[in-house]
Amino acid sequence: TATSPFVYAAIFNGGSSSIYNNSSSVPVAAGDASTTGIQGLDIGAYAGTFGYLTGKIAEVIIYNRVLKTTELNTIFQYLGQRYGIAVS
């Protein structure tokens, strides 16, 4: 159970998919998300044992391509500053 806000980034890129939390330098999860494409998008829901988010989502930014590291850094800094979240 998280008690403080986070900035997350999820990158769907087949075998090199990853999720980042408050930093664009080290993923908290990575692996093969398949190459079949996203058939639907659920934000705030998890298909496993966690169920649904009980918190709030302040902002969602979606791109139709994989971002460069510098672009991802810029977004983390923007969201961190906008919502008062310490990011690196």
Protein backbone atom coordinates (compact mmCIF):
# COMPACT_ATOMS: atom_id res chain seq x y z
CA THR A 1 0.00 0.00 0.00
CA ALA A 2 1.57 3.24 -1.12
CA THR A 3 1.16 6.24 1.15
CA SER A 4 2.89 8.80 -1.04
CA PRO A 5 2.43 9.77 -4.69
CA PHE A 6 4.51 8.29 -7.49
CA VAL A 7 5.28 9.03 -11.10
CA TYR A 8 5.13 5.88 -13.23
CA ALA A 9 6.12 5.25 -16.82
CA ALA A 10 5.18 2.07 -18.67
CA ILE A 11 6.81 1.33 -22.00
CA PHE A 12 5.25 -1.33 -24.19
CA ASN A 13 7.95 -2.45 -26.60
CA GLY A 14 7.63 -6.21 -27.07
CA GLY A 15 10.58 -8.07 -25.51
CA SER A 16 12.07 -4.94 -23.97
CA SER A 17 8.97 -3.59 -22.20
CA SER A 18 9.52 -1.92 -18.82
CA ILE A 19 7.94 0.03 -15.96
CA TYR A 20 9.66 2.90 -14.17
CA ASN A 21 8.80 4.45 -10.80
CA ASN A 22 9.97 8.00 -9.94
CA SER A 23 13.05 7.57 -12.11
CA SER A 24 13.68 6.96 -15.76
CA SER A 25 17.06 5.36 -15.17
CA VAL A 26 16.28 1.96 -13.60
CA PRO A 27 13.10 -0.01 -14.35
CA VAL A 28 11.21 -1.58 -11.43
CA ALA A 29 9.98 -4.30 -13.79
CA ALA A 30 11.02 -5.42 -17.25
CA GLY A 31 10.37 -8.28 -19.58
CA ASP A 32 8.64 -9.56 -22.65
CA ALA A 33 5.17 -8.05 -22.98
CA SER A 34 4.70 -9.88 -26.29
CA THR A 35 4.46 -8.33 -29.72
CA THR A 36 0.73 -8.80 -30.24
CA GLY A 37 -0.05 -5.19 -29.42
CA ILE A 38 -2.30 -3.66 -26.84
CA GLN A 39 -5.87 -4.89 -27.34
CA GLY A 40 -7.27 -2.65 -24.61
CA LEU A 41 -5.95 -0.36 -21.94
CA ASP A 42 -7.04 -0.42 -18.31
CA ILE A 43 -5.66 2.39 -16.20
CA GLY A 44 -5.99 1.83 -12.47
CA ALA A 45 -6.74 -1.89 -12.73
CA TYR A 46 -4.52 -4.93 -12.40
CA ALA A 47 -5.49 -8.29 -13.82
CA GLY A 48 -3.71 -10.18 -11.03
CA THR A 49 -4.31 -10.30 -7.30
CA PHE A 50 -4.17 -6.55 -6.62
CA GLY A 51 -7.53 -5.62 -8.14
CA TYR A 52 -8.30 -1.94 -8.61
CA LEU A 53 -6.51 1.23 -7.60
CA THR A 54 -8.02 2.85 -4.54
CA GLY A 55 -6.08 6.08 -5.01
CA LYS A 56 -6.23 8.90 -7.52
CA ILE A 57 -4.61 9.37 -10.90
CA ALA A 58 -3.70 12.99 -11.50
CA GLU A 59 -2.51 12.84 -15.09
CA VAL A 60 -1.96 10.36 -17.92
CA ILE A 61 0.33 11.07 -20.87
CA ILE A 62 0.29 8.62 -23.77
CA TYR A 63 2.60 8.54 -26.79
CA ASN A 64 2.34 6.37 -29.89
CA ARG A 65 6.06 5.60 -29.91
CA VAL A 66 8.82 4.63 -27.50
CA LEU A 67 10.37 7.77 -26.04
CA LYS A 68 14.07 8.48 -25.92
CA THR A 69 15.64 8.51 -22.46
CA THR A 70 16.00 12.31 -22.58
CA GLU A 71 12.30 12.70 -23.41
CA LEU A 72 11.34 10.36 -20.58
CA ASN A 73 13.55 12.33 -18.19
CA THR A 74 11.82 15.55 -19.24
CA ILE A 75 8.39 14.06 -18.53
CA PHE A 76 9.48 12.74 -15.12
CA GLN A 77 10.85 16.17 -14.20
CA TYR A 78 7.69 17.91 -15.43
CA LEU A 79 5.35 15.62 -13.49
CA GLY A 80 7.54 15.67 -10.38
CA GLN A 81 7.59 19.45 -10.34
CA ARG A 82 3.91 19.80 -11.17
CA TYR A 83 2.75 17.46 -8.39
CA GLY A 84 5.54 17.95 -5.82
CA ILE A 85 6.96 14.44 -6.19
CA ALA A 86 10.68 13.78 -5.75
CA VAL A 87 11.95 12.16 -8.95
CA SER A 88 15.44 11.44 -10.19
